[in-house]
Amino acid sequence: MEAYVVYPDGKRLPGPARRTWWRFIEQRLPLIVIYLMLATLIGVILAPYVLVTVPSGYVGVLWKRFGGGTVLNPRQLRDEGLHFMWPWNTLFLYDLRLQSATQTCNAISRDGVSLTASINIRFRLKRESVPQLHQSIGPDYVDDLVIPEIGNRMREVIAEYTAEDVYSTKRTEIQEKNPQTCRGDAR
């Protein structure tokens, strides 16, 4: 007489089929577990290089090592959120929010007096211009482009006035003139 395993629902699994299943599990399960553990370890090690988070208010410009360099198409910018990318590529983040830069520099007034003045400028990047900015200037655009332009423009404006005008009578006019004459978009 042959023994069968009977389940509560009345179905039964024949003895030889049950033994074959257990034999398969006993032989293959350790190998399957090792492969799963190895895949998990590789995934944990590669995750920081493959998954990139773009924070709120930022945009990412992708640089492809094997795909032609900087991706210049504004539609292919990486928006906020989690993104997958190949580990050999690099994602550069740019802040699209309102930014501020301050500089203190020396300038010479119209009457030849050396003056020290501080200026603060607020600017925001245009989303469509970020890939071109990255390719032509780079991520240090504030130090390479914005700050020197602030100093140059401030020297030009102060050179139009005398020292007395700068410090007393026309101070408000100078403060108002700078935004009007410095109109331009940071690109």
N, C-alpha and C. Protein backbone atom coordinates (compact mmCIF):
# COMPACT_ATOMS: atom_id res chain seq x y z
N MET A 1 0.84 -1.16 0.00
CA MET A 1 0.00 0.00 0.00
C MET A 1 0.89 1.24 0.00
N GLU A 2 0.52 2.28 -0.80
CA GLU A 2 1.31 3.47 -0.97
C GLU A 2 0.70 4.60 -0.14
N ALA A 3 1.58 5.38 0.55
CA ALA A 3 1.11 6.46 1.42
C ALA A 3 1.00 7.76 0.63
N TYR A 4 -0.07 8.49 0.91
CA TYR A 4 -0.30 9.80 0.29
C TYR A 4 -0.50 10.83 1.38
N VAL A 5 -0.10 12.07 1.07
CA VAL A 5 -0.35 13.19 1.98
C VAL A 5 -1.69 13.79 1.58
N VAL A 6 -2.59 13.96 2.55
CA VAL A 6 -3.92 14.50 2.28
C VAL A 6 -3.99 15.89 2.92
N TYR A 7 -4.42 16.90 2.13
CA TYR A 7 -4.56 18.26 2.62
C TYR A 7 -5.99 18.47 3.11
N PRO A 8 -6.22 19.53 3.94
CA PRO A 8 -7.55 19.77 4.50
C PRO A 8 -8.64 19.94 3.44
N ASP A 9 -8.31 20.40 2.24
CA ASP A 9 -9.34 20.59 1.23
C ASP A 9 -9.65 19.29 0.49
N GLY A 10 -9.02 18.22 0.88
CA GLY A 10 -9.33 16.93 0.29
C GLY A 10 -8.39 16.53 -0.83
N LYS A 11 -7.59 17.44 -1.31
CA LYS A 11 -6.65 17.11 -2.37
C LYS A 11 -5.45 16.40 -1.76
N ARG A 12 -4.81 15.59 -2.57
CA ARG A 12 -3.65 14.91 -2.05
C ARG A 12 -2.51 14.98 -3.06
N LEU A 13 -1.35 15.04 -2.52
CA LEU A 13 -0.15 15.09 -3.33
C LEU A 13 0.51 13.72 -3.24
N PRO A 14 0.73 13.09 -4.36
CA PRO A 14 1.31 11.75 -4.30
C PRO A 14 2.70 11.78 -3.68
N GLY A 15 3.09 10.74 -3.07
CA GLY A 15 4.37 10.62 -2.38
C GLY A 15 5.56 10.87 -3.28
N PRO A 16 5.66 10.25 -4.46
CA PRO A 16 6.84 10.46 -5.30
C PRO A 16 6.97 11.90 -5.77
N ALA A 17 5.88 12.59 -6.09
CA ALA A 17 5.95 13.99 -6.53
C ALA A 17 6.42 14.88 -5.40
N ARG A 18 5.97 14.58 -4.20
CA ARG A 18 6.36 15.35 -3.03
C ARG A 18 7.86 15.17 -2.78
N ARG A 19 8.34 13.97 -2.90
CA ARG A 19 9.75 13.72 -2.69
C ARG A 19 10.61 14.41 -3.75
N THR A 20 10.13 14.46 -4.98
CA THR A 20 10.86 15.12 -6.05
C THR A 20 10.96 16.62 -5.77
N TRP A 21 9.86 17.21 -5.33
CA TRP A 21 9.85 18.64 -5.00
C TRP A 21 10.83 18.96 -3.88
N TRP A 22 10.82 18.19 -2.81
CA TRP A 22 11.71 18.42 -1.69
C TRP A 22 13.17 18.20 -2.10
N ARG A 23 13.40 17.23 -2.95
CA ARG A 23 14.76 16.98 -3.42
C ARG A 23 15.25 18.19 -4.23
N PHE A 24 14.39 18.76 -5.07
CA PHE A 24 14.75 19.95 -5.85
C PHE A 24 15.09 21.12 -4.91
N ILE A 25 14.26 21.33 -3.90
CA ILE A 25 14.49 22.43 -2.95
C ILE A 25 15.78 22.20 -2.18
N GLU A 26 16.01 21.00 -1.73
CA GLU A 26 17.22 20.73 -0.97
C GLU A 26 18.48 20.92 -1.81
N GLN A 27 18.41 20.61 -3.09
CA GLN A 27 19.58 20.73 -3.94
C GLN A 27 19.79 22.15 -4.47
N ARG A 28 18.73 22.83 -4.82
CA ARG A 28 18.85 24.13 -5.50
C ARG A 28 18.71 25.35 -4.58
N LEU A 29 18.02 25.21 -3.48
CA LEU A 29 17.75 26.37 -2.62
C LEU A 29 19.03 27.07 -2.13
N PRO A 30 20.04 26.38 -1.67
CA PRO A 30 21.25 27.10 -1.24
C PRO A 30 21.88 27.91 -2.37
N LEU A 31 21.90 27.38 -3.58
CA LEU A 31 22.47 28.09 -4.72
C LEU A 31 21.62 29.32 -5.07
N ILE A 32 20.30 29.18 -5.04
CA ILE A 32 19.40 30.30 -5.31
C ILE A 32 19.58 31.40 -4.27
N VAL A 33 19.69 31.02 -3.00
CA VAL A 33 19.88 32.00 -1.92
C VAL A 33 21.21 32.73 -2.10
N ILE A 34 22.27 32.01 -2.47
CA ILE A 34 23.57 32.65 -2.69
C ILE A 34 23.49 33.64 -3.84
N TYR A 35 22.84 33.27 -4.94
CA TYR A 35 22.68 34.19 -6.07
C TYR A 35 21.87 35.42 -5.69
N LEU A 36 20.80 35.25 -4.94
CA LEU A 36 19.99 36.39 -4.50
C LEU A 36 20.78 37.31 -3.57
N MET A 37 21.56 36.73 -2.67
CA MET A 37 22.38 37.55 -1.76
C MET A 37 23.46 38.30 -2.54
N LEU A 38 24.07 37.67 -3.54
CA LEU A 38 25.07 38.31 -4.37
C LEU A 38 24.45 39.46 -5.18
N ALA A 39 23.27 39.22 -5.76
CA ALA A 39 22.58 40.27 -6.52
C ALA A 39 22.21 41.44 -5.62
N THR A 40 21.76 41.17 -4.40
CA THR A 40 21.43 42.23 -3.44
C THR A 40 22.66 43.03 -3.06
N LEU A 41 23.78 42.36 -2.82
CA LEU A 41 25.02 43.04 -2.48
C LEU A 41 25.49 43.94 -3.62
N ILE A 42 25.45 43.44 -4.84
CA ILE A 42 25.84 44.25 -6.00
C ILE A 42 24.90 45.44 -6.14
N GLY A 43 23.60 45.23 -5.94
CA GLY A 43 22.63 46.33 -6.02
C GLY A 43 22.89 47.40 -4.97
N VAL A 44 23.22 46.98 -3.75
CA VAL A 44 23.49 47.94 -2.67
C VAL A 44 24.77 48.73 -2.96
N ILE A 45 25.77 48.07 -3.50
CA ILE A 45 27.03 48.75 -3.81
C ILE A 45 26.86 49.73 -4.97
N LEU A 46 26.12 49.36 -6.01
CA LEU A 46 25.95 50.20 -7.18
C LEU A 46 24.87 51.27 -7.05
N ALA A 47 23.99 51.17 -6.08
CA ALA A 47 22.86 52.09 -5.95
C ALA A 47 23.28 53.56 -5.90
N PRO A 48 24.31 53.95 -5.14
CA PRO A 48 24.67 55.38 -5.13
C PRO A 48 25.19 55.89 -6.47
N TYR A 49 25.69 55.00 -7.31
CA TYR A 49 26.22 55.41 -8.61
C TYR A 49 25.19 55.34 -9.72
N VAL A 50 24.12 54.63 -9.50
CA VAL A 50 23.12 54.40 -10.54
C VAL A 50 21.84 55.19 -10.29
N LEU A 51 21.49 55.40 -9.04
CA LEU A 51 20.29 56.16 -8.68
C LEU A 51 20.70 57.54 -8.18
N VAL A 52 20.17 58.57 -8.81
CA VAL A 52 20.52 59.95 -8.46
C VAL A 52 19.24 60.69 -8.11
N THR A 53 19.28 61.44 -7.02
CA THR A 53 18.14 62.24 -6.60
C THR A 53 18.39 63.70 -6.95
N VAL A 54 17.46 64.30 -7.66
CA VAL A 54 17.52 65.73 -7.96
C VAL A 54 16.60 66.42 -6.96
N PRO A 55 17.16 67.27 -6.08
CA PRO A 55 16.33 67.91 -5.06
C PRO A 55 15.35 68.93 -5.63
N SER A 56 14.45 69.36 -4.79
CA SER A 56 13.44 70.34 -5.17
C SER A 56 14.10 71.66 -5.54
N GLY A 57 13.68 72.25 -6.66
CA GLY A 57 14.21 73.53 -7.11
C GLY A 57 15.46 73.41 -7.96
N TYR A 58 15.90 72.21 -8.21
CA TYR A 58 17.11 71.99 -9.01
C TYR A 58 16.75 71.30 -10.32
N VAL A 59 17.70 71.31 -11.23
CA VAL A 59 17.58 70.59 -12.48
C VAL A 59 18.94 69.94 -12.73
N GLY A 60 18.94 68.78 -13.36
CA GLY A 60 20.19 68.08 -13.60
C GLY A 60 20.55 68.07 -15.08
N VAL A 61 21.82 68.36 -15.38
CA VAL A 61 22.34 68.29 -16.74
C VAL A 61 23.18 67.02 -16.82
N LEU A 62 22.86 66.17 -17.76
CA LEU A 62 23.53 64.88 -17.90
C LEU A 62 24.74 65.01 -18.81
N TRP A 63 25.85 64.47 -18.36
CA TRP A 63 27.06 64.39 -19.18
C TRP A 63 27.32 62.92 -19.44
N LYS A 64 27.25 62.54 -20.72
CA LYS A 64 27.42 61.14 -21.11
C LYS A 64 28.85 60.90 -21.58
N ARG A 65 29.53 60.01 -20.91
CA ARG A 65 30.91 59.69 -21.26
C ARG A 65 31.00 59.06 -22.65
N PHE A 66 30.09 58.15 -22.96
CA PHE A 66 30.12 57.44 -24.23
C PHE A 66 29.01 57.89 -25.17
N GLY A 67 28.35 59.00 -24.87
CA GLY A 67 27.21 59.41 -25.68
C GLY A 67 27.29 60.82 -26.21
N GLY A 68 28.47 61.37 -26.36
CA GLY A 68 28.59 62.69 -26.96
C GLY A 68 28.74 63.84 -25.99
N GLY A 69 28.98 63.60 -24.72
CA GLY A 69 29.21 64.68 -23.76
C GLY A 69 27.93 65.24 -23.19
N THR A 70 27.87 66.56 -23.08
CA THR A 70 26.73 67.24 -22.45
C THR A 70 25.48 67.11 -23.32
N VAL A 71 24.39 66.73 -22.68
CA VAL A 71 23.10 66.66 -23.37
C VAL A 71 22.54 68.08 -23.40
N LEU A 72 22.47 68.68 -24.59
CA LEU A 72 22.09 70.08 -24.73
C LEU A 72 20.59 70.31 -24.92
N ASN A 73 19.84 69.26 -25.11
CA ASN A 73 18.40 69.40 -25.32
C ASN A 73 17.71 69.71 -23.99
N PRO A 74 17.06 70.88 -23.85
CA PRO A 74 16.40 71.22 -22.58
C PRO A 74 15.30 70.24 -22.19
N ARG A 75 14.74 69.52 -23.15
CA ARG A 75 13.70 68.54 -22.82
C ARG A 75 14.26 67.31 -22.14
N GLN A 76 15.57 67.11 -22.23
CA GLN A 76 16.20 65.94 -21.62
C GLN A 76 16.89 66.27 -20.30
N LEU A 77 16.59 67.45 -19.73
CA LEU A 77 17.10 67.77 -18.40
C LEU A 77 16.41 66.87 -17.38
N ARG A 78 17.10 66.57 -16.32
CA ARG A 78 16.53 65.73 -15.26
C ARG A 78 15.85 66.64 -14.24
N ASP A 79 14.54 66.48 -14.12
CA ASP A 79 13.76 67.28 -13.17
C ASP A 79 13.85 66.67 -11.78
N GLU A 80 13.14 67.28 -10.84
CA GLU A 80 13.15 66.82 -9.46
C GLU A 80 12.74 65.36 -9.38
N GLY A 81 13.36 64.64 -8.45
CA GLY A 81 12.99 63.25 -8.21
C GLY A 81 14.17 62.30 -8.35
N LEU A 82 13.84 61.02 -8.35
CA LEU A 82 14.83 59.95 -8.44
C LEU A 82 15.01 59.53 -9.89
N HIS A 83 16.25 59.43 -10.33
CA HIS A 83 16.53 59.09 -11.73
C HIS A 83 17.57 57.97 -11.79
N PHE A 84 17.41 57.09 -12.78
CA PHE A 84 18.39 56.06 -13.06
C PHE A 84 19.35 56.57 -14.12
N MET A 85 20.63 56.33 -13.92
CA MET A 85 21.62 56.66 -14.94
C MET A 85 22.76 55.67 -14.84
N TRP A 86 23.45 55.50 -15.92
CA TRP A 86 24.57 54.58 -15.95
C TRP A 86 25.70 55.11 -15.08
N PRO A 87 26.44 54.23 -14.42
CA PRO A 87 27.47 54.70 -13.48
C PRO A 87 28.61 55.48 -14.13
N TRP A 88 28.83 55.35 -15.42
CA TRP A 88 29.92 56.08 -16.08
C TRP A 88 29.50 57.48 -16.52
N ASN A 89 28.22 57.82 -16.41
CA ASN A 89 27.75 59.17 -16.71
C ASN A 89 27.75 60.02 -15.44
N THR A 90 27.69 61.33 -15.61
CA THR A 90 27.69 62.24 -14.47
C THR A 90 26.51 63.21 -14.60
N LEU A 91 25.86 63.49 -13.47
CA LEU A 91 24.75 64.44 -13.44
C LEU A 91 25.18 65.67 -12.65
N PHE A 92 25.12 66.84 -13.29
CA PHE A 92 25.47 68.10 -12.65
C PHE A 92 24.18 68.82 -12.26
N LEU A 93 24.10 69.26 -11.02
CA LEU A 93 22.89 69.90 -10.51
C LEU A 93 23.03 71.43 -10.55
N TYR A 94 21.95 72.09 -10.99
CA TYR A 94 21.89 73.55 -11.05
C TYR A 94 20.65 74.02 -10.32
N ASP A 95 20.82 75.06 -9.51
CA ASP A 95 19.72 75.62 -8.71
C ASP A 95 18.92 76.59 -9.58
N LEU A 96 17.62 76.34 -9.72
CA LEU A 96 16.75 77.20 -10.51
C LEU A 96 16.03 78.24 -9.65
N ARG A 97 16.21 78.15 -8.35
CA ARG A 97 15.55 79.10 -7.46
C ARG A 97 16.27 80.45 -7.48
N LEU A 98 15.66 81.44 -6.88
CA LEU A 98 16.24 82.77 -6.78
C LEU A 98 17.51 82.69 -5.94
N GLN A 99 18.61 83.19 -6.48
CA GLN A 99 19.90 83.16 -5.80
C GLN A 99 20.38 84.58 -5.56
N SER A 100 21.35 84.70 -4.68
CA SER A 100 21.88 86.01 -4.33
C SER A 100 23.40 85.94 -4.29
N ALA A 101 24.04 86.98 -4.78
CA ALA A 101 25.50 87.07 -4.72
C ALA A 101 25.87 88.47 -4.27
N THR A 102 26.82 88.56 -3.34
CA THR A 102 27.26 89.84 -2.80
C THR A 102 28.75 90.00 -3.06
N GLN A 103 29.13 91.23 -3.38
CA GLN A 103 30.55 91.50 -3.60
C GLN A 103 30.88 92.88 -3.07
N THR A 104 32.03 92.98 -2.45
CA THR A 104 32.57 94.26 -2.02
C THR A 104 33.82 94.52 -2.84
N CYS A 105 33.88 95.70 -3.46
CA CYS A 105 35.06 95.99 -4.28
C CYS A 105 35.38 97.48 -4.24
N ASN A 106 36.56 97.78 -4.70
CA ASN A 106 37.02 99.16 -4.79
C ASN A 106 36.70 99.71 -6.18
N ALA A 107 36.31 100.99 -6.20
CA ALA A 107 36.03 101.66 -7.47
C ALA A 107 36.53 103.10 -7.37
N ILE A 108 36.80 103.69 -8.49
CA ILE A 108 37.28 105.07 -8.53
C ILE A 108 36.16 105.95 -9.06
N SER A 109 35.85 106.99 -8.31
CA SER A 109 34.77 107.90 -8.69
C SER A 109 35.23 108.83 -9.81
N ARG A 110 34.31 109.64 -10.30
CA ARG A 110 34.61 110.56 -11.40
C ARG A 110 35.69 111.56 -11.02
N ASP A 111 35.75 111.96 -9.74
CA ASP A 111 36.75 112.92 -9.30
C ASP A 111 38.03 112.26 -8.80
N GLY A 112 38.21 110.93 -9.04
CA GLY A 112 39.46 110.24 -8.75
C GLY A 112 39.61 109.70 -7.35
N VAL A 113 38.56 109.68 -6.56
CA VAL A 113 38.62 109.18 -5.19
C VAL A 113 38.33 107.68 -5.20
N SER A 114 39.14 106.93 -4.47
CA SER A 114 38.94 105.48 -4.37
C SER A 114 37.85 105.19 -3.34
N LEU A 115 36.83 104.48 -3.75
CA LEU A 115 35.69 104.17 -2.89
C LEU A 115 35.56 102.65 -2.73
N THR A 116 35.02 102.26 -1.60
CA THR A 116 34.71 100.85 -1.36
C THR A 116 33.19 100.74 -1.26
N ALA A 117 32.64 99.83 -2.04
CA ALA A 117 31.19 99.67 -2.06
C ALA A 117 30.83 98.19 -2.09
N SER A 118 29.68 97.88 -1.54
CA SER A 118 29.17 96.52 -1.57
C SER A 118 27.91 96.50 -2.42
N ILE A 119 27.74 95.42 -3.14
CA ILE A 119 26.55 95.28 -3.96
C ILE A 119 26.03 93.86 -3.83
N ASN A 120 24.74 93.76 -3.84
CA ASN A 120 24.08 92.45 -3.78
C ASN A 120 23.19 92.34 -5.01
N ILE A 121 23.29 91.22 -5.68
CA ILE A 121 22.46 91.00 -6.86
C ILE A 121 21.72 89.68 -6.69
N ARG A 122 20.48 89.70 -7.13
CA ARG A 122 19.66 88.49 -7.12
C ARG A 122 19.44 88.06 -8.56
N PHE A 123 19.53 86.77 -8.78
CA PHE A 123 19.37 86.26 -10.13
C PHE A 123 18.75 84.86 -10.09
N ARG A 124 18.24 84.47 -11.21
CA ARG A 124 17.64 83.14 -11.36
C ARG A 124 18.02 82.63 -12.74
N LEU A 125 18.37 81.35 -12.82
CA LEU A 125 18.73 80.75 -14.10
C LEU A 125 17.48 80.41 -14.89
N LYS A 126 17.57 80.55 -16.20
CA LYS A 126 16.49 80.08 -17.07
C LYS A 126 16.70 78.60 -17.34
N ARG A 127 15.66 77.84 -17.16
CA ARG A 127 15.76 76.39 -17.31
C ARG A 127 16.28 75.99 -18.69
N GLU A 128 15.82 76.65 -19.74
CA GLU A 128 16.21 76.28 -21.10
C GLU A 128 17.68 76.58 -21.38
N SER A 129 18.27 77.48 -20.62
CA SER A 129 19.65 77.90 -20.87
C SER A 129 20.68 77.11 -20.05
N VAL A 130 20.23 76.29 -19.13
CA VAL A 130 21.14 75.58 -18.24
C VAL A 130 22.10 74.65 -18.99
N PRO A 131 21.67 73.86 -19.98
CA PRO A 131 22.64 73.00 -20.67
C PRO A 131 23.76 73.80 -21.36
N GLN A 132 23.40 74.91 -22.00
CA GLN A 132 24.41 75.74 -22.66
C GLN A 132 25.33 76.38 -21.64
N LEU A 133 24.80 76.81 -20.51
CA LEU A 133 25.61 77.37 -19.43
C LEU A 133 26.60 76.33 -18.93
N HIS A 134 26.14 75.10 -18.77
CA HIS A 134 27.02 74.04 -18.29
C HIS A 134 28.14 73.77 -19.29
N GLN A 135 27.81 73.74 -20.56
CA GLN A 135 28.82 73.41 -21.55
C GLN A 135 29.84 74.55 -21.74
N SER A 136 29.38 75.80 -21.73
CA SER A 136 30.30 76.89 -22.01
C SER A 136 31.00 77.45 -20.78
N ILE A 137 30.37 77.41 -19.61
CA ILE A 137 31.00 78.01 -18.42
C ILE A 137 31.25 76.97 -17.33
N GLY A 138 30.27 76.13 -17.04
CA GLY A 138 30.46 75.09 -16.04
C GLY A 138 29.71 75.37 -14.75
N PRO A 139 29.84 74.45 -13.81
CA PRO A 139 29.08 74.58 -12.56
C PRO A 139 29.52 75.75 -11.67
N ASP A 140 30.70 76.29 -11.88
CA ASP A 140 31.18 77.42 -11.07
C ASP A 140 30.85 78.75 -11.73
N TYR A 141 29.68 78.84 -12.35
CA TYR A 141 29.29 80.04 -13.09
C TYR A 141 29.17 81.26 -12.19
N VAL A 142 28.85 81.08 -10.92
CA VAL A 142 28.72 82.22 -10.02
C VAL A 142 30.08 82.90 -9.85
N ASP A 143 31.12 82.12 -9.58
CA ASP A 143 32.45 82.69 -9.39
C ASP A 143 33.09 83.13 -10.71
N ASP A 144 32.78 82.42 -11.79
CA ASP A 144 33.42 82.72 -13.07
C ASP A 144 32.70 83.81 -13.87
N LEU A 145 31.40 83.99 -13.67
CA LEU A 145 30.64 84.90 -14.51
C LEU A 145 29.89 85.98 -13.73
N VAL A 146 29.12 85.59 -12.74
CA VAL A 146 28.23 86.52 -12.05
C VAL A 146 29.00 87.53 -11.19
N ILE A 147 29.86 87.05 -10.31
CA ILE A 147 30.60 87.94 -9.40
C ILE A 147 31.48 88.93 -10.17
N PRO A 148 32.28 88.49 -11.16
CA PRO A 148 33.07 89.49 -11.90
C PRO A 148 32.21 90.52 -12.63
N GLU A 149 31.08 90.08 -13.16
CA GLU A 149 30.19 91.02 -13.87
C GLU A 149 29.61 92.04 -12.90
N ILE A 150 29.31 91.61 -11.68
CA ILE A 150 28.81 92.55 -10.66
C ILE A 150 29.85 93.62 -10.40
N GLY A 151 31.10 93.20 -10.18
CA GLY A 151 32.17 94.16 -9.90
C GLY A 151 32.41 95.11 -11.06
N ASN A 152 32.43 94.60 -12.28
CA ASN A 152 32.64 95.46 -13.45
C ASN A 152 31.54 96.50 -13.59
N ARG A 153 30.31 96.05 -13.45
CA ARG A 153 29.18 96.96 -13.61
C ARG A 153 29.16 98.00 -12.51
N MET A 154 29.51 97.58 -11.27
CA MET A 154 29.52 98.53 -10.16
C MET A 154 30.60 99.59 -10.38
N ARG A 155 31.76 99.21 -10.86
CA ARG A 155 32.83 100.19 -11.14
C ARG A 155 32.39 101.18 -12.22
N GLU A 156 31.68 100.69 -13.24
CA GLU A 156 31.20 101.57 -14.31
C GLU A 156 30.21 102.60 -13.77
N VAL A 157 29.31 102.17 -12.92
CA VAL A 157 28.29 103.07 -12.38
C VAL A 157 28.92 104.10 -11.45
N ILE A 158 29.82 103.67 -10.57
CA ILE A 158 30.44 104.59 -9.61
C ILE A 158 31.33 105.60 -10.35
N ALA A 159 31.94 105.19 -11.46
CA ALA A 159 32.81 106.10 -12.21
C ALA A 159 32.02 107.26 -12.82
N GLU A 160 30.72 107.17 -12.92
CA GLU A 160 29.90 108.24 -13.47
C GLU A 160 29.59 109.33 -12.45
N TYR A 161 29.86 109.09 -11.16
CA TYR A 161 29.50 110.01 -10.10
C TYR A 161 30.74 110.42 -9.31
N THR A 162 30.61 111.54 -8.61
CA THR A 162 31.68 111.97 -7.71
C THR A 162 31.52 111.26 -6.38
N ALA A 163 32.56 111.34 -5.54
CA ALA A 163 32.52 110.68 -4.23
C ALA A 163 31.39 111.24 -3.37
N GLU A 164 31.18 112.53 -3.46
CA GLU A 164 30.10 113.16 -2.68
C GLU A 164 28.73 112.65 -3.13
N ASP A 165 28.55 112.50 -4.43
CA ASP A 165 27.28 111.98 -4.94
C ASP A 165 27.03 110.55 -4.46
N VAL A 166 28.09 109.75 -4.48
CA VAL A 166 27.94 108.34 -4.11
C VAL A 166 27.54 108.20 -2.65
N TYR A 167 28.16 108.98 -1.76
CA TYR A 167 27.92 108.81 -0.34
C TYR A 167 26.77 109.64 0.21
N SER A 168 26.28 110.63 -0.54
CA SER A 168 25.24 111.47 0.06
C SER A 168 24.09 111.75 -0.89
N THR A 169 24.25 112.66 -1.82
CA THR A 169 23.12 113.22 -2.54
C THR A 169 22.46 112.27 -3.53
N LYS A 170 23.21 111.47 -4.23
CA LYS A 170 22.62 110.65 -5.29
C LYS A 170 22.68 109.15 -5.00
N ARG A 171 22.77 108.82 -3.76
CA ARG A 171 22.87 107.41 -3.37
C ARG A 171 21.66 106.61 -3.85
N THR A 172 20.48 107.15 -3.67
CA THR A 172 19.25 106.46 -4.09
C THR A 172 19.22 106.30 -5.61
N GLU A 173 19.65 107.33 -6.32
CA GLU A 173 19.69 107.25 -7.79
C GLU A 173 20.64 106.15 -8.26
N ILE A 174 21.77 106.03 -7.59
CA ILE A 174 22.75 104.99 -7.95
C ILE A 174 22.17 103.61 -7.67
N GLN A 175 21.50 103.49 -6.53
CA GLN A 175 20.90 102.19 -6.20
C GLN A 175 19.82 101.82 -7.21
N GLU A 176 19.08 102.79 -7.68
CA GLU A 176 18.03 102.52 -8.66
C GLU A 176 18.59 102.34 -10.07
N LYS A 177 19.70 102.99 -10.37
CA LYS A 177 20.28 102.92 -11.71
C LYS A 177 20.85 101.54 -12.00
N ASN A 178 21.45 100.93 -11.03
CA ASN A 178 22.12 99.66 -11.24
C ASN A 178 21.19 98.57 -11.76
N PRO A 179 20.00 98.37 -11.19
CA PRO A 179 19.14 97.33 -11.75
C PRO A 179 18.66 97.64 -13.16
N GLN A 180 18.43 98.92 -13.46
CA GLN A 180 17.94 99.28 -14.79
C GLN A 180 19.00 99.10 -15.86
N THR A 181 20.24 99.45 -15.53
CA THR A 181 21.30 99.37 -16.54
C THR A 181 21.92 97.99 -16.60
N CYS A 182 21.73 97.20 -15.56
CA CYS A 182 22.34 95.86 -15.54
C CYS A 182 21.35 94.81 -16.00
N ARG A 183 20.25 95.22 -16.56
CA ARG A 183 19.27 94.23 -17.01
C ARG A 183 19.93 93.22 -17.91
N GLY A 184 19.65 92.00 -17.63
CA GLY A 184 20.21 90.91 -18.42
C GLY A 184 19.90 89.63 -17.69
N ASP A 185 19.88 88.58 -18.38
CA ASP A 185 19.55 87.30 -17.76
C ASP A 185 20.81 86.50 -17.57
N ALA A 186 20.93 85.93 -16.39
CA ALA A 186 22.07 85.04 -16.14
C ALA A 186 21.85 83.78 -16.95
N ARG A 187 22.77 83.48 -17.78
CA ARG A 187 22.63 82.29 -18.65
C ARG A 187 23.77 81.37 -18.42
